[in-house]
Amino acid sequence: MHDAAPFRPAPAWLAEAVFYQIYPQSFADSDGDGIGDLGGIAERLDHLAWLGVNTVWLNPCFASPFRDAGYDVADYLRIAPRYGTADDLAKLVDLAGRRGIRILLDLVAGHTSDEHPWFRAAVDDPGDHRYIWTTGEVPEGFVPSPGSRLGGYLPNFFDSQPALNFGYARTNPEEPWRQTADAEGPRANRAALREIMDHWLRLGVSGFRVDMAASLVKDDPGKRATSAIWTELRHWLDRAHPEAVLLSEWGDPEVSVPAGFHTDFFLQFGGPANGLAMRSLWSNGTGTTDEAWDPLDCFFDASGHGTPGPFVRAWREASAALDGTGFVALPTANHDFSRLNCGPRTAEQLPAAFAFQLTWPTLPAIYYGDEIGMRYVPGLPEKEGSVLGPRYNRAGSRTPMQWDDGPGAGFSTASEDRFYLPLDPSPDRPSVAAQRADETSLLHLVRRLVALRRSTPALGYRAPVEVLNEGHPFVYVRGDRLLVVVNPSRTSTLWPSAGHAGRLAGARAVEVRGARVSADGAEVGAEGFGYGIFELPER
């Protein structure tokens, strides 16, 4: 399983990716049952094409009892009926492709639902090793067997999500369930991952985001044995589907990309700093808050107490480690984490956040609805496993997309009491239709920033970045041609550019609100929540 051969370079399209994450049950409902579906996504593809995104990642859409919103898969080869059929997915892939948009699915690799046929067979068969079973006592962390089989099984997240057996990095004769990664059960599970991926890639999807990608091999210091599995799968993918990509939910690009992933995300968790890179930008202590997180002042906060330093350092370390072999993606939010518009952060603060996210050399990922500034909705009921802690209800980031100001916000024709989750009750909630009609809106800004990124080599992933001021305002140069100024605080800020005045003189505004560069280049200023992208003259 250990293969030191180099990976095939990532498909050329990936460097140009602007990701858009769709939570399918909350995006658009085509059949009037109050739950979003594949047909609804297909009907709304023109919005995505207009916005300019080119790569869509769908949260899991496979058959499931939905105890964890679809991250508990009961059949990897069947679409959940509430979302449609495989034909509906094929149609979506085709219609998206005609608009230059690729579709990625979400692969739950480390566990299944306890209703999966594999698990239902395993509960009564002591010779089955697809899952991790004790033989007698049920140790702490294991769940008692629900069948005739003695002992218990290891869950991967919730108890209803039994961990698939990919082996243990360290064995122990006193714990016979600690099989090696090359035992029969782990080998069968690795083969199953290839079969599942091959099935959907043949239908036309362009790859997978992999859930809990670091969780496969247990008791795995440094994740070396887990990495070896992904290395094997990447080599297979390079041979069988060379244009496909793997994105990891790992949060540690310095480990995941060398293991075989084309891209990893900066996340709210992961790596030695437990997700500090992303949290130091966005996490303002409201919305989804893990009690284990150290308090911090995030950079995108009106107080001005935060700094971009932790993010910049993490990005530099990851970029140096990857050395051009893969990519790091930066999301605005995701289905497990607060939206940008959360708690005290208001709509007027969002433009500066997008000006940064869409000009920094990470692959940008826009969470559905963030392009109009949808709000994290507090106080919602638990839904399909959404609550992870006393201050951590993921439902607030999963509410229905707000398409217009009509009944049901254009999400569904069902009565609102049948909606997957309640709509944001705010009377001033934003909508796509209202912002499409207003060229000064956040939606139009995001569209212009996406277009600027896609059409400007200096904003490309591989183009260099030079940080001139790591504070307020945050000032950096991309590709020696574009100056970016971002001020997340409510207070006007001024940066004397000192030795940089010569190169900044004559800077021309490209996309600016509340930022300026003096004619002689000696001062860069930004009003509260101001931002600016300026073209520097050729020297």
Protein backbone atom coordinates (compact mmCIF):
# COMPACT_ATOMS: atom_id res chain seq x y z
CA MET A 1 0.00 0.00 0.00
CA HIS A 2 3.01 2.31 0.36
CA ASP A 3 3.75 4.03 -2.94
CA ALA A 4 6.40 6.74 -3.15
CA ALA A 5 5.77 7.47 -6.83
CA PRO A 6 4.84 11.09 -7.57
CA PHE A 7 1.20 11.99 -8.13
CA ARG A 8 -0.07 13.12 -11.48
CA PRO A 9 -0.31 16.95 -11.39
CA ALA A 10 -3.73 18.30 -10.49
CA PRO A 11 -6.10 18.88 -13.42
CA ALA A 12 -5.52 22.35 -14.86
CA TRP A 13 -9.09 23.44 -14.09
CA LEU A 14 -8.59 23.19 -10.33
CA ALA A 15 -6.28 26.21 -10.10
CA GLU A 16 -9.12 28.34 -11.51
CA ALA A 17 -11.82 26.92 -9.24
CA VAL A 18 -14.27 29.15 -7.43
CA PHE A 19 -16.16 26.71 -5.22
CA TYR A 20 -19.79 27.07 -4.19
CA GLN A 21 -21.13 24.78 -1.47
CA ILE A 22 -24.78 23.73 -1.69
CA TYR A 23 -26.63 22.17 1.23
CA PRO A 24 -29.15 20.39 -1.00
CA GLN A 25 -32.07 20.18 1.42
CA SER A 26 -31.99 23.97 1.87
CA PHE A 27 -31.20 25.36 -1.59
CA ALA A 28 -34.28 24.98 -3.81
CA ASP A 29 -37.33 22.71 -3.70
CA SER A 30 -38.71 21.66 -7.08
CA ASP A 31 -41.49 19.29 -5.96
CA GLY A 32 -43.20 21.29 -3.21
CA ASP A 33 -42.43 19.04 -0.25
CA GLY A 34 -40.51 21.70 1.68
CA ILE A 35 -37.13 20.02 1.21
CA GLY A 36 -34.58 21.13 -1.37
CA ASP A 37 -33.65 18.65 -4.09
CA LEU A 38 -31.53 18.05 -7.18
CA GLY A 39 -34.25 19.33 -9.47
CA GLY A 40 -34.32 22.57 -7.53
CA ILE A 41 -30.57 22.99 -7.91
CA ALA A 42 -30.91 22.39 -11.66
CA GLU A 43 -33.58 25.09 -11.88
CA ARG A 44 -31.26 27.58 -10.16
CA LEU A 45 -28.09 26.92 -12.15
CA ASP A 46 -28.47 30.21 -13.99
CA HIS A 47 -27.90 32.03 -10.69
CA LEU A 48 -24.61 30.19 -10.23
CA ALA A 49 -23.55 30.84 -13.82
CA TRP A 50 -24.42 34.54 -13.46
CA LEU A 51 -22.46 34.71 -10.20
CA GLY A 52 -19.44 33.19 -11.95
CA VAL A 53 -18.73 30.19 -9.72
CA ASN A 54 -17.48 27.15 -11.62
CA THR A 55 -17.32 24.25 -9.15
CA VAL A 56 -20.23 23.17 -6.95
CA TRP A 57 -19.85 20.86 -3.95
CA LEU A 58 -23.06 19.16 -2.80
CA ASN A 59 -23.41 17.92 0.75
CA PRO A 60 -24.33 14.21 0.88
CA CYS A 61 -27.30 13.25 -1.28
CA PHE A 62 -27.21 9.47 -0.78
CA ALA A 63 -29.87 7.27 0.79
CA SER A 64 -29.90 7.87 4.54
CA PRO A 65 -32.09 7.84 7.66
CA PHE A 66 -30.80 11.42 8.16
CA ARG A 67 -29.78 11.22 11.79
CA ASP A 68 -26.79 13.37 10.81
CA ALA A 69 -28.32 15.20 7.83
CA GLY A 70 -27.09 12.60 5.33
CA TYR A 71 -23.63 12.03 6.79
CA ASP A 72 -25.06 8.66 7.84
CA VAL A 73 -25.18 6.79 4.54
CA ALA A 74 -27.39 3.72 4.12
CA ASP A 75 -26.59 3.17 0.42
CA TYR A 76 -23.68 4.88 -1.34
CA LEU A 77 -24.95 3.97 -4.80
CA ARG A 78 -28.49 5.34 -4.45
CA ILE A 79 -29.70 8.93 -4.30
CA ALA A 80 -31.94 9.70 -1.32
CA PRO A 81 -35.53 9.78 -2.62
CA ARG A 82 -36.10 13.19 -1.03
CA TYR A 83 -33.46 14.59 -3.40
CA GLY A 84 -34.50 12.68 -6.52
CA THR A 85 -32.84 9.92 -8.52
CA ALA A 86 -29.55 9.11 -10.20
CA ASP A 87 -31.16 10.36 -13.42
CA ASP A 88 -31.81 13.69 -11.73
CA LEU A 89 -28.14 13.88 -10.72
CA ALA A 90 -27.03 12.99 -14.25
CA LYS A 91 -29.29 15.74 -15.61
CA LEU A 92 -27.89 18.22 -13.10
CA VAL A 93 -24.31 17.32 -14.05
CA ASP A 94 -25.15 17.75 -17.74
CA LEU A 95 -26.97 21.07 -17.31
CA ALA A 96 -24.22 22.40 -15.07
CA GLY A 97 -21.55 21.29 -17.52
CA ARG A 98 -23.23 23.25 -20.30
CA ARG A 99 -22.74 26.33 -18.11
CA GLY A 100 -19.10 25.57 -17.38
CA ILE A 101 -19.86 24.33 -13.86
CA ARG A 102 -18.48 21.10 -12.40
CA ILE A 103 -20.26 19.08 -9.70
CA LEU A 104 -18.50 17.47 -6.73
CA LEU A 105 -20.20 15.00 -4.37
CA ASP A 106 -19.54 14.46 -0.67
CA LEU A 107 -17.98 11.09 0.14
CA VAL A 108 -18.49 9.86 3.71
CA ALA A 109 -15.51 7.54 3.85
CA GLY A 110 -15.03 6.71 7.52
CA HIS A 111 -18.43 5.39 8.56
CA THR A 112 -21.89 4.35 7.43
CA SER A 113 -25.34 4.58 8.91
CA ASP A 114 -26.32 1.84 11.33
CA GLU A 115 -29.05 1.10 8.77
CA HIS A 116 -26.57 0.27 6.01
CA PRO A 117 -26.93 -3.37 4.86
CA TRP A 118 -23.26 -3.96 5.73
CA PHE A 119 -23.90 -3.05 9.34
CA ARG A 120 -27.19 -4.92 9.54
CA ALA A 121 -25.32 -8.05 8.45
CA ALA A 122 -22.39 -7.38 10.79
CA VAL A 123 -24.51 -7.20 13.97
CA ASP A 124 -25.26 -10.92 13.68
CA ASP A 125 -22.02 -12.17 12.08
CA PRO A 126 -18.90 -12.44 14.29
CA GLY A 127 -16.85 -13.19 11.16
CA ASP A 128 -17.66 -9.84 9.54
CA HIS A 129 -14.86 -7.28 9.77
CA ARG A 130 -16.20 -4.29 7.85
CA TYR A 131 -16.60 -2.52 11.20
CA ILE A 132 -14.57 -2.47 14.41
CA TRP A 133 -16.08 -4.91 16.93
CA THR A 134 -14.93 -5.97 20.37
CA THR A 135 -15.29 -9.63 21.20
CA GLY A 136 -16.44 -9.54 24.82
CA GLU A 137 -16.58 -6.55 27.13
CA VAL A 138 -17.64 -3.22 25.67
CA PRO A 139 -14.81 -0.75 26.40
CA GLU A 140 -15.35 2.96 26.86
CA GLY A 141 -16.04 4.65 23.54
CA PHE A 142 -17.74 1.58 22.05
CA VAL A 143 -21.48 1.02 21.64
CA PRO A 144 -23.10 -2.28 22.78
CA SER A 145 -24.05 -4.61 19.94
CA PRO A 146 -27.66 -4.18 18.80
CA GLY A 147 -27.73 -7.73 17.41
CA SER A 148 -26.86 -11.30 18.38
CA ARG A 149 -23.14 -10.62 18.01
CA LEU A 150 -21.34 -10.18 21.31
CA GLY A 151 -19.34 -7.10 22.29
CA GLY A 152 -19.80 -3.69 20.73
CA TYR A 153 -18.82 -1.50 17.83
CA LEU A 154 -16.78 1.69 17.53
CA PRO A 155 -18.75 4.76 16.37
CA ASN A 156 -17.01 7.39 14.24
CA PHE A 157 -19.15 10.37 15.29
CA PHE A 158 -22.69 9.78 16.54
CA ASP A 159 -23.60 6.30 17.83
CA SER A 160 -25.70 5.81 14.67
CA GLN A 161 -22.50 6.12 12.58
CA PRO A 162 -20.43 2.95 13.07
CA ALA A 163 -16.81 3.39 12.02
CA LEU A 164 -15.74 1.41 9.00
CA ASN A 165 -12.70 -0.74 9.72
CA PHE A 166 -9.60 0.61 8.00
CA GLY A 167 -7.38 -0.96 10.64
CA TYR A 168 -5.25 0.34 13.48
CA ALA A 169 -1.76 1.75 13.14
CA ARG A 170 -0.81 0.09 16.45
CA THR A 171 -1.98 -3.39 17.37
CA ASN A 172 -2.32 -4.93 20.81
CA PRO A 173 -2.79 -8.65 21.46
CA GLU A 174 -5.11 -7.85 24.37
CA GLU A 175 -7.39 -5.93 21.96
CA PRO A 176 -7.90 -8.30 19.02
CA TRP A 177 -10.22 -5.83 17.22
CA ARG A 178 -7.11 -3.77 16.46
CA GLN A 179 -6.51 -5.28 13.04
CA THR A 180 -3.76 -4.10 10.73
CA ALA A 181 -4.57 -1.85 7.79
CA ASP A 182 -3.90 -4.77 5.45
CA ALA A 183 -6.34 -7.19 7.09
CA GLU A 184 -9.31 -8.52 5.14
CA GLY A 185 -11.91 -6.03 6.42
CA PRO A 186 -9.80 -2.93 5.76
CA ARG A 187 -8.89 -4.22 2.30
CA ALA A 188 -12.59 -4.73 1.48
CA ASN A 189 -13.39 -1.20 2.64
CA ARG A 190 -10.63 0.34 0.54
CA ALA A 191 -11.95 -1.55 -2.49
CA ALA A 192 -15.46 -0.29 -1.71
CA LEU A 193 -14.26 3.33 -1.70
CA ARG A 194 -12.84 2.82 -5.19
CA GLU A 195 -16.11 1.24 -6.38
CA ILE A 196 -18.22 4.09 -4.97
CA MET A 197 -15.98 6.76 -6.47
CA ASP A 198 -15.83 5.01 -9.83
CA HIS A 199 -19.62 4.65 -9.94
CA TRP A 200 -20.30 8.39 -9.58
CA LEU A 201 -17.32 9.55 -11.62
CA ARG A 202 -18.63 7.47 -14.52
CA LEU A 203 -21.92 9.37 -14.20
CA GLY A 204 -20.00 12.58 -14.80
CA VAL A 205 -19.21 14.20 -11.47
CA SER A 206 -15.78 15.83 -11.23
CA GLY A 207 -14.65 14.53 -7.86
CA PHE A 208 -15.39 14.43 -4.16
CA ARG A 209 -15.10 16.37 -0.98
CA VAL A 210 -14.26 13.69 1.60
CA ASP A 211 -15.87 13.89 5.02
CA MET A 212 -13.68 13.29 8.10
CA ALA A 213 -10.85 12.24 5.81
CA ALA A 214 -8.34 11.96 8.65
CA SER A 215 -10.46 9.47 10.59
CA LEU A 216 -9.86 6.21 8.69
CA VAL A 217 -7.08 4.32 10.48
CA LYS A 218 -7.44 4.39 14.27
CA ASP A 219 -4.70 5.16 16.82
CA ASP A 220 -2.62 6.59 13.99
CA PRO A 221 0.08 8.99 15.22
CA GLY A 222 0.92 11.53 12.58
CA LYS A 223 -1.86 10.06 10.41
CA ARG A 224 0.76 8.10 8.46
CA ALA A 225 -1.35 4.97 7.98
CA THR A 226 -4.42 6.99 7.03
CA SER A 227 -2.27 8.98 4.60
CA ALA A 228 -1.10 5.74 2.99
CA ILE A 229 -4.71 4.80 2.19
CA TRP A 230 -5.33 8.15 0.49
CA THR A 231 -2.03 7.85 -1.38
CA GLU A 232 -3.17 4.50 -2.77
CA LEU A 233 -6.56 5.94 -3.73
CA ARG A 234 -4.98 9.00 -5.37
CA HIS A 235 -2.74 6.83 -7.55
CA TRP A 236 -5.80 4.83 -8.60
CA LEU A 237 -7.68 8.05 -9.34
CA ASP A 238 -4.75 9.42 -11.36
CA ARG A 239 -4.89 6.33 -13.56
CA ALA A 240 -8.66 5.78 -13.79
CA HIS A 241 -10.04 9.35 -13.69
CA PRO A 242 -7.17 11.81 -14.26
CA GLU A 243 -9.44 14.86 -14.52
CA ALA A 244 -11.14 14.20 -11.16
CA VAL A 245 -10.17 15.79 -7.86
CA LEU A 246 -10.26 14.97 -4.16
CA LEU A 247 -10.91 17.68 -1.56
CA SER A 248 -10.46 16.79 2.09
CA GLU A 249 -12.24 17.74 5.24
CA TRP A 250 -8.99 17.50 7.17
CA GLY A 251 -7.99 21.07 8.01
CA ASP A 252 -4.27 20.32 7.84
CA PRO A 253 -3.02 20.80 4.26
CA GLU A 254 0.57 20.05 5.24
CA VAL A 255 -0.49 16.46 5.94
CA SER A 256 -3.50 15.90 3.67
CA VAL A 257 -2.05 17.18 0.38
CA PRO A 258 1.15 15.08 0.53
CA ALA A 259 -1.16 12.16 1.39
CA GLY A 260 -2.91 12.54 -1.97
CA PHE A 261 -5.62 15.17 -1.73
CA HIS A 262 -5.58 17.82 -4.42
CA THR A 263 -7.00 20.40 -2.01
CA ASP A 264 -7.66 20.81 1.70
CA PHE A 265 -9.70 23.49 3.44
CA PHE A 266 -8.71 25.80 6.22
CA LEU A 267 -11.49 24.78 8.62
CA GLN A 268 -12.78 25.58 12.09
CA PHE A 269 -10.78 22.56 13.30
CA GLY A 270 -7.76 20.58 12.17
CA GLY A 271 -3.98 20.74 12.40
CA PRO A 272 -1.82 21.54 15.42
CA ALA A 273 -3.66 24.85 16.01
CA ASN A 274 -7.16 23.29 15.84
CA GLY A 275 -8.42 25.48 12.98
CA LEU A 276 -6.95 28.76 14.21
CA ALA A 277 -6.23 29.99 10.66
CA MET A 278 -9.90 30.15 9.69
CA ARG A 279 -11.29 30.95 13.13
CA SER A 280 -8.87 33.87 13.50
CA LEU A 281 -10.57 35.44 10.48
CA TRP A 282 -14.27 34.75 11.06
CA SER A 283 -15.09 33.28 14.49
CA ASN A 284 -16.59 36.05 16.64
CA GLY A 285 -17.74 33.89 19.55
CA THR A 286 -21.37 33.69 18.41
CA GLY A 287 -23.20 31.20 16.22
CA THR A 288 -21.35 27.90 16.33
CA THR A 289 -18.95 28.00 19.27
CA ASP A 290 -16.98 25.03 20.57
CA GLU A 291 -16.31 25.21 24.31
CA ALA A 292 -12.79 23.88 23.64
CA TRP A 293 -11.78 26.85 21.49
CA ASP A 294 -9.55 29.42 23.14
CA PRO A 295 -11.14 32.89 23.14
CA LEU A 296 -9.81 35.10 20.37
CA ASP A 297 -10.45 38.42 18.69
CA CYS A 298 -11.09 37.57 15.05
CA PHE A 299 -9.76 39.88 12.36
CA PHE A 300 -13.12 40.52 10.69
CA ASP A 301 -14.61 42.23 13.70
CA ALA A 302 -15.71 45.84 14.11
CA SER A 303 -13.62 46.25 17.27
CA GLY A 304 -10.33 46.24 15.37
CA HIS A 305 -8.73 44.07 18.07
CA GLY A 306 -7.93 41.17 15.76
CA THR A 307 -5.05 40.69 13.37
CA PRO A 308 -4.55 38.78 10.09
CA GLY A 309 -1.28 37.44 11.51
CA PRO A 310 -2.38 33.91 12.53
CA PHE A 311 -3.99 33.36 9.14
CA VAL A 312 -1.04 34.75 7.18
CA ARG A 313 1.43 32.60 9.12
CA ALA A 314 -0.64 29.44 8.65
CA TRP A 315 -1.04 30.18 4.95
CA ARG A 316 2.72 30.75 4.53
CA GLU A 317 3.57 27.52 6.33
CA ALA A 318 1.08 25.52 4.28
CA SER A 319 2.19 27.09 1.00
CA ALA A 320 5.84 26.37 1.72
CA ALA A 321 5.05 22.76 2.66
CA LEU A 322 2.88 22.15 -0.42
CA ASP A 323 5.39 23.84 -2.74
CA GLY A 324 2.99 23.89 -5.67
CA THR A 325 1.83 20.26 -5.31
CA GLY A 326 -1.73 21.07 -4.25
CA PHE A 327 -4.09 23.75 -3.04
CA VAL A 328 -5.56 25.28 0.10
CA ALA A 329 -9.19 26.46 0.03
CA LEU A 330 -10.69 29.16 2.23
CA PRO A 331 -14.47 29.02 2.81
CA THR A 332 -16.69 31.90 3.86
CA ALA A 333 -18.51 29.38 6.07
CA ASN A 334 -19.81 25.82 5.83
CA HIS A 335 -22.67 23.63 7.01
CA ASP A 336 -20.88 23.04 10.34
CA PHE A 337 -19.83 26.61 11.09
CA SER A 338 -21.35 30.07 11.47
CA ARG A 339 -22.10 32.19 8.44
CA LEU A 340 -20.18 35.44 7.91
CA ASN A 341 -23.32 37.37 8.91
CA CYS A 342 -23.41 36.20 12.50
CA GLY A 343 -23.99 37.78 15.88
CA PRO A 344 -22.72 41.37 15.98
CA ARG A 345 -21.24 41.20 12.47
CA THR A 346 -23.62 43.09 10.21
CA ALA A 347 -24.25 43.29 6.48
CA GLU A 348 -22.08 46.40 6.12
CA GLN A 349 -19.06 44.40 7.28
CA LEU A 350 -19.38 41.67 4.66
CA PRO A 351 -18.04 43.44 1.54
CA ALA A 352 -14.56 43.81 3.06
CA ALA A 353 -14.56 40.11 3.95
CA PHE A 354 -15.31 39.12 0.35
CA ALA A 355 -12.76 41.63 -0.98
CA PHE A 356 -10.17 39.73 1.05
CA GLN A 357 -11.42 36.19 0.42
CA LEU A 358 -11.66 36.58 -3.35
CA THR A 359 -8.24 38.23 -3.77
CA TRP A 360 -6.09 36.11 -1.44
CA PRO A 361 -4.14 33.19 -3.03
CA THR A 362 -6.33 30.44 -1.63
CA LEU A 363 -9.09 28.74 -3.61
CA PRO A 364 -12.27 30.56 -2.54
CA ALA A 365 -15.32 28.60 -1.41
CA ILE A 366 -18.62 30.47 -1.09
CA TYR A 367 -21.23 28.87 1.16
CA TYR A 368 -24.70 29.12 -0.39
CA GLY A 369 -26.43 32.33 0.58
CA ASP A 370 -23.30 34.08 1.81
CA GLU A 371 -23.21 35.94 -1.52
CA ILE A 372 -26.31 37.86 -0.36
CA GLY A 373 -25.28 37.99 3.29
CA MET A 374 -27.72 35.42 4.67
CA ARG A 375 -27.68 35.40 8.46
CA TYR A 376 -26.79 32.66 10.92
CA VAL A 377 -30.19 32.19 12.56
CA PRO A 378 -29.90 31.57 16.31
CA GLY A 379 -32.35 29.70 18.49
CA LEU A 380 -33.49 27.06 16.02
CA PRO A 381 -34.65 23.59 17.10
CA GLU A 382 -32.38 20.59 16.73
CA LYS A 383 -32.66 19.13 13.22
CA GLU A 384 -31.11 15.89 11.98
CA GLY A 385 -28.23 15.95 14.46
CA SER A 386 -27.50 19.66 14.15
CA VAL A 387 -26.70 20.29 17.83
CA LEU A 388 -23.11 19.47 18.84
CA GLY A 389 -22.91 21.39 22.10
CA PRO A 390 -24.60 23.97 24.30
CA ARG A 391 -23.47 26.79 22.00
CA TYR A 392 -23.12 24.79 18.80
CA ASN A 393 -26.29 24.38 16.72
CA ARG A 394 -25.38 23.93 13.07
CA ALA A 395 -29.01 24.47 12.01
CA GLY A 396 -28.44 28.24 12.07
CA SER A 397 -26.21 27.93 9.01
CA ARG A 398 -28.56 25.56 7.18
CA THR A 399 -31.74 27.61 6.68
CA PRO A 400 -33.51 27.82 3.30
CA MET A 401 -31.99 29.93 0.52
CA GLN A 402 -33.68 33.31 0.20
CA TRP A 403 -34.43 33.69 -3.50
CA ASP A 404 -37.04 36.45 -3.45
CA ASP A 405 -39.36 38.41 -1.19
CA GLY A 406 -42.48 36.41 -2.04
CA PRO A 407 -44.08 33.49 -0.18
CA GLY A 408 -41.54 31.04 1.18
CA ALA A 409 -38.74 33.32 -0.06
CA GLY A 410 -38.95 31.47 -3.37
CA PHE A 411 -37.41 28.36 -1.78
CA SER A 412 -40.53 26.19 -1.98
CA THR A 413 -44.23 26.29 -2.76
CA ALA A 414 -44.95 24.21 0.36
CA SER A 415 -46.42 25.86 3.43
CA GLU A 416 -43.61 27.18 5.59
CA ASP A 417 -44.39 24.79 8.43
CA ARG A 418 -43.21 21.98 6.12
CA PHE A 419 -39.85 23.59 5.31
CA TYR A 420 -36.72 21.63 6.19
CA LEU A 421 -35.82 24.46 8.56
CA PRO A 422 -37.54 27.79 9.23
CA LEU A 423 -36.66 30.78 7.11
CA ASP A 424 -34.74 33.64 8.68
CA PRO A 425 -37.60 35.55 10.38
CA SER A 426 -35.86 38.94 10.02
CA PRO A 427 -38.14 41.42 8.22
CA ASP A 428 -35.10 42.77 6.38
CA ARG A 429 -33.66 39.41 5.35
CA PRO A 430 -31.76 39.71 2.05
CA SER A 431 -32.84 37.98 -1.15
CA VAL A 432 -31.29 37.18 -4.51
CA ALA A 433 -34.03 39.02 -6.41
CA ALA A 434 -33.73 42.24 -4.41
CA GLN A 435 -29.95 42.27 -4.68
CA ARG A 436 -29.97 41.41 -8.38
CA ALA A 437 -32.01 44.60 -8.87
CA ASP A 438 -29.50 46.70 -6.89
CA GLU A 439 -26.07 47.11 -8.45
CA THR A 440 -24.69 48.46 -5.16
CA SER A 441 -25.59 45.18 -3.37
CA LEU A 442 -23.28 42.58 -1.89
CA LEU A 443 -24.40 40.11 -4.57
CA HIS A 444 -23.25 42.37 -7.39
CA LEU A 445 -19.96 43.02 -5.57
CA VAL A 446 -19.31 39.29 -5.16
CA ARG A 447 -20.08 38.76 -8.83
CA ARG A 448 -17.64 41.50 -9.84
CA LEU A 449 -14.94 40.14 -7.52
CA VAL A 450 -15.38 36.61 -8.90
CA ALA A 451 -15.14 37.94 -12.45
CA LEU A 452 -12.06 39.99 -11.55
CA ARG A 453 -10.38 36.98 -9.99
CA ARG A 454 -11.14 34.72 -12.95
CA SER A 455 -9.98 37.27 -15.54
CA THR A 456 -6.87 38.62 -13.81
CA PRO A 457 -3.69 36.52 -13.73
CA ALA A 458 -2.35 38.63 -10.85
CA LEU A 459 -5.18 37.24 -8.68
CA GLY A 460 -4.55 33.62 -9.65
CA TYR A 461 -3.72 31.02 -7.04
CA ARG A 462 -0.08 30.78 -8.13
CA ALA A 463 0.49 34.53 -8.49
CA PRO A 464 2.65 35.91 -5.67
CA VAL A 465 1.41 37.88 -2.68
CA GLU A 466 3.43 40.44 -0.77
CA VAL A 467 2.04 41.64 2.56
CA LEU A 468 2.87 45.33 3.09
CA ASN A 469 0.92 45.92 6.31
CA GLU A 470 -0.30 43.12 8.57
CA GLY A 471 -2.77 45.20 10.55
CA HIS A 472 -5.46 47.80 10.02
CA PRO A 473 -5.71 48.36 7.17
CA PHE A 474 -4.49 45.00 5.88
CA VAL A 475 -2.49 45.85 2.75
CA TYR A 476 -1.02 43.42 0.22
CA VAL A 477 0.05 43.27 -3.41
CA ARG A 478 -0.92 40.46 -5.76
CA GLY A 479 1.19 39.55 -8.77
CA ASP A 480 3.12 42.85 -8.54
CA ARG A 481 0.14 44.56 -10.20
CA LEU A 482 -2.83 44.78 -7.82
CA LEU A 483 -2.88 46.47 -4.43
CA VAL A 484 -5.54 45.23 -2.00
CA VAL A 485 -6.60 47.27 1.05
CA VAL A 486 -9.02 45.82 3.63
CA ASN A 487 -10.23 47.42 6.85
CA PRO A 488 -12.56 45.13 8.87
CA SER A 489 -12.83 47.58 11.77
CA ARG A 490 -15.41 50.33 12.23
CA THR A 491 -12.65 52.92 12.70
CA SER A 492 -10.95 54.76 9.85
CA THR A 493 -7.33 53.73 9.50
CA LEU A 494 -4.26 55.20 7.82
CA TRP A 495 -1.05 53.47 6.83
CA PRO A 496 2.00 55.56 5.90
CA SER A 497 3.52 53.47 3.12
CA ALA A 498 7.04 54.79 3.72
CA GLY A 499 9.45 52.95 1.44
CA HIS A 500 6.64 51.71 -0.83
CA ALA A 501 5.44 55.16 -1.93
CA GLY A 502 7.18 55.01 -5.30
CA ARG A 503 5.48 51.83 -6.44
CA LEU A 504 2.05 52.87 -5.08
CA ALA A 505 2.01 56.32 -6.66
CA GLY A 506 -0.55 56.59 -9.43
CA ALA A 507 -2.55 53.55 -8.26
CA ARG A 508 -5.81 53.30 -10.22
CA ALA A 509 -9.06 52.24 -8.51
CA VAL A 510 -10.49 48.94 -9.81
CA GLU A 511 -13.06 48.01 -7.12
CA VAL A 512 -13.14 50.43 -4.22
CA ARG A 513 -15.42 51.50 -1.41
CA GLY A 514 -14.06 53.75 1.30
CA ALA A 515 -10.36 53.22 0.56
CA ARG A 516 -7.79 55.47 -1.06
CA VAL A 517 -4.15 55.72 -2.06
CA SER A 518 -2.68 59.22 -2.09
CA ALA A 519 -1.47 60.45 -5.46
CA ASP A 520 2.16 60.27 -4.37
CA GLY A 521 1.64 56.79 -2.89
CA ALA A 522 2.77 57.91 0.56
CA GLU A 523 -0.49 57.10 2.36
CA VAL A 524 -3.04 54.33 2.18
CA GLY A 525 -6.28 55.00 4.02
CA ALA A 526 -9.52 53.13 4.61
CA GLU A 527 -12.76 54.20 6.24
CA GLY A 528 -14.53 51.86 8.63
CA PHE A 529 -15.35 48.57 6.79
CA GLY A 530 -13.69 50.01 3.68
CA TYR A 531 -11.83 48.06 1.04
CA GLY A 532 -10.11 48.71 -2.24
CA ILE A 533 -8.46 46.95 -5.13
CA PHE A 534 -6.12 49.20 -7.09
CA GLU A 535 -4.07 48.60 -10.21
CA LEU A 536 -0.45 49.67 -9.83
CA PRO A 537 1.23 51.39 -12.76
CA GLU A 538 3.88 49.46 -14.66
CA ARG A 539 7.40 50.49 -13.70
